[in-house]
C-alpha atoms as a PDB file:
ATOM      1  CA  MET A   1       0.000   0.000   0.000  1.00  0.00           C
ATOM      2  CA  VAL A   2       1.323   3.447  -0.922  1.00  0.00           C
ATOM      3  CA  THR A   3       1.492   5.798   2.065  1.00  0.00           C
ATOM      4  CA  LYS A   4       3.329   8.796   0.619  1.00  0.00           C
ATOM      5  CA  VAL A   5       4.111  10.229  -2.789  1.00  0.00           C
ATOM      6  CA  VAL A   6       7.226  12.326  -3.346  1.00  0.00           C
ATOM      7  CA  HIS A   7       7.671  13.938  -6.733  1.00  0.00           C
ATOM      8  CA  ILE A   8      11.212  14.449  -8.001  1.00  0.00           C
ATOM      9  CA  GLU A   9      12.431  16.108 -11.153  1.00  0.00           C
ATOM     10  CA  LYS A  10      15.835  16.357 -12.723  1.00  0.00           C
ATOM     11  CA  GLU A  11      16.853  19.995 -12.730  1.00  0.00           C
ATOM     12  CA  SER A  12      18.528  21.267 -15.873  1.00  0.00           C
ATOM     13  CA  ASN A  13      20.373  24.096 -14.090  1.00  0.00           C
ATOM     14  CA  ASN A  14      23.453  21.934 -13.602  1.00  0.00           C
ATOM     15  CA  LEU A  15      23.276  20.134 -16.934  1.00  0.00           C
ATOM     16  CA  ASP A  16      26.819  21.067 -18.032  1.00  0.00           C
ATOM     17  CA  GLU A  17      28.301  20.060 -14.677  1.00  0.00           C
ATOM     18  CA  SER A  18      26.361  16.809 -14.475  1.00  0.00           C
ATOM     19  CA  GLU A  19      27.595  15.820 -17.931  1.00  0.00           C
ATOM     20  CA  PHE A  20      31.178  15.771 -16.633  1.00  0.00           C
ATOM     21  CA  LEU A  21      30.782  15.200 -12.896  1.00  0.00           C
ATOM     22  CA  GLY A  22      27.699  12.987 -12.843  1.00  0.00           C
ATOM     23  CA  VAL A  23      24.424  13.520 -11.029  1.00  0.00           C
ATOM     24  CA  ASP A  24      24.476  14.153  -7.275  1.00  0.00           C
ATOM     25  CA  ASP A  25      21.771  14.578  -4.617  1.00  0.00           C
ATOM     26  CA  THR A  26      21.480  18.321  -5.243  1.00  0.00           C
ATOM     27  CA  SER A  27      20.569  17.748  -8.886  1.00  0.00           C
ATOM     28  CA  TYR A  28      17.034  16.750  -7.936  1.00  0.00           C
ATOM     29  CA  GLU A  29      14.191  18.913  -6.741  1.00  0.00           C
ATOM     30  CA  THR A  30      11.525  17.310  -4.553  1.00  0.00           C
ATOM     31  CA  TYR A  31       7.919  18.427  -4.472  1.00  0.00           C
ATOM     32  CA  GLU A  32       5.439  17.828  -1.710  1.00  0.00           C
ATOM     33  CA  ASP A  33       2.152  16.163  -2.565  1.00  0.00           C
ATOM     34  CA  VAL A  34      -0.171  19.030  -3.512  1.00  0.00           C
ATOM     35  CA  ARG A  35      -3.099  17.534  -1.589  1.00  0.00           C
ATOM     36  CA  ASN A  36      -1.017  17.757   1.595  1.00  0.00           C
ATOM     37  CA  LEU A  37      -0.155  21.351   0.799  1.00  0.00           C
ATOM     38  CA  ASP A  38      -3.826  22.274   0.389  1.00  0.00           C
ATOM     39  CA  LYS A  39      -4.699  20.654   3.733  1.00  0.00           C
ATOM     40  CA  LYS A  40      -1.970  22.607   5.530  1.00  0.00           C
ATOM     41  CA  PHE A  41      -2.990  25.819   3.786  1.00  0.00           C
ATOM     42  CA  LYS A  42      -6.643  25.338   4.765  1.00  0.00           C
ATOM     43  CA  LYS A  43      -5.608  24.712   8.359  1.00  0.00           C
ATOM     44  CA  ILE A  44      -3.804  28.073   8.616  1.00  0.00           C
ATOM     45  CA  ALA A  45      -6.386  30.050   6.618  1.00  0.00           C
ATOM     46  CA  PRO A  46      -7.677  31.898   9.727  1.00  0.00           C
ATOM     47  CA  SER A  47      -4.122  33.088  10.430  1.00  0.00           C
ATOM     48  CA  ILE A  48      -3.717  34.246   6.837  1.00  0.00           C
ATOM     49  CA  LEU A  49      -6.862  36.362   7.087  1.00  0.00           C
ATOM     50  CA  LYS A  50      -5.210  38.271   9.962  1.00  0.00           C
ATOM     51  CA  LEU A  51      -2.058  39.100   7.975  1.00  0.00           C
ATOM     52  CA  LYS A  52      -1.324  42.655   6.934  1.00  0.00           C
ATOM     53  CA  PRO A  53       0.607  43.680   3.797  1.00  0.00           C
ATOM     54  CA  LYS A  54       3.634  44.693   5.896  1.00  0.00           C
ATOM     55  CA  ASP A  55       3.707  41.139   7.331  1.00  0.00           C
ATOM     56  CA  VAL A  56       4.031  39.451   3.943  1.00  0.00           C
ATOM     57  CA  LYS A  57       6.059  41.998   2.001  1.00  0.00           C
ATOM     58  CA  LYS A  58       9.290  40.698   3.543  1.00  0.00           C
ATOM     59  CA  PHE A  59       8.795  37.278   1.963  1.00  0.00           C
ATOM     60  CA  GLY A  60       7.856  38.491  -1.506  1.00  0.00           C
ATOM     61  CA  ILE A  61       4.076  38.738  -1.485  1.00  0.00           C
ATOM     62  CA  SER A  62       2.516  41.965  -2.678  1.00  0.00           C
ATOM     63  CA  LYS A  63      -0.441  43.725  -1.101  1.00  0.00           C
ATOM     64  CA  GLN A  64      -2.567  42.806  -4.146  1.00  0.00           C
ATOM     65  CA  THR A  65      -1.614  39.130  -3.921  1.00  0.00           C
ATOM     66  CA  LEU A  66      -2.456  39.049  -0.218  1.00  0.00           C
ATOM     67  CA  TRP A  67      -5.801  40.692  -0.961  1.00  0.00           C
ATOM     68  CA  ASN A  68      -6.509  38.064  -3.666  1.00  0.00           C
ATOM     69  CA  VAL A  69      -5.529  35.186  -1.351  1.00  0.00           C
ATOM     70  CA  LYS A  70      -7.822  36.487   1.388  1.00  0.00           C
ATOM     71  CA  ARG A  71     -10.685  36.846  -1.108  1.00  0.00           C
ATOM     72  CA  LYS A  72     -10.173  33.253  -2.288  1.00  0.00           C
ATOM     73  CA  ILE A  73     -10.089  31.982   1.301  1.00  0.00           C
ATOM     74  CA  ARG A  74     -13.350  33.775   2.115  1.00  0.00           C
ATOM     75  CA  SER A  75     -15.038  32.381  -1.001  1.00  0.00           C
ATOM     76  CA  ASN A  76     -13.694  28.862  -0.327  1.00  0.00           C
ATOM     77  CA  GLN A  77     -11.550  28.772  -3.488  1.00  0.00           C
ATOM     78  CA  LEU A  78      -8.251  27.690  -1.941  1.00  0.00           C
ATOM     79  CA  SER A  79      -7.416  25.598  -4.984  1.00  0.00           C
ATOM     80  CA  ARG A  80      -7.213  28.822  -7.023  1.00  0.00           C
ATOM     81  CA  VAL A  81      -4.329  30.196  -4.926  1.00  0.00           C
ATOM     82  CA  SER A  82      -1.071  29.607  -6.796  1.00  0.00           C
ATOM     83  CA  TYR A  83       1.295  26.892  -5.635  1.00  0.00           C
ATOM     84  CA  GLU A  84       4.144  29.414  -5.337  1.00  0.00           C
ATOM     85  CA  THR A  85       2.103  31.735  -3.107  1.00  0.00           C
ATOM     86  CA  LYS A  86       0.975  28.843  -0.900  1.00  0.00           C
ATOM     87  CA  ILE A  87       4.577  27.746  -0.433  1.00  0.00           C
ATOM     88  CA  LYS A  88       5.752  31.271   0.452  1.00  0.00           C
ATOM     89  CA  ILE A  89       3.002  31.697   3.006  1.00  0.00           C
ATOM     90  CA  LEU A  90       3.383  28.233   4.524  1.00  0.00           C
ATOM     91  CA  ILE A  91       7.156  28.515   4.861  1.00  0.00           C
ATOM     92  CA  HIS A  92       6.968  31.825   6.680  1.00  0.00           C
ATOM     93  CA  ILE A  93       3.922  31.219   8.848  1.00  0.00           C
ATOM     94  CA  ILE A  94       4.713  27.685   9.980  1.00  0.00           C
ATOM     95  CA  VAL A  95       8.407  28.304  10.632  1.00  0.00           C
END
């Protein structure tokens, strides 16, 4: 029975190096299962609604983006929040 899915992709950033040196552990990028990400995001939605633009500016989220995220939370459209924005918010709120 499968209990966890981890997505990996070969990154092309180090393509020239990997041709000569081979592939190492840093040549792969791992991605968390998106369903897990949505669950975590939904869990912290009340905290996100309390955020102010000055709170999120330091980790690269604009006032407009925050406003859009809050609107999507209120209208129960969490799946329409971009993956990148979810990651930025989760990293800085959870940590």
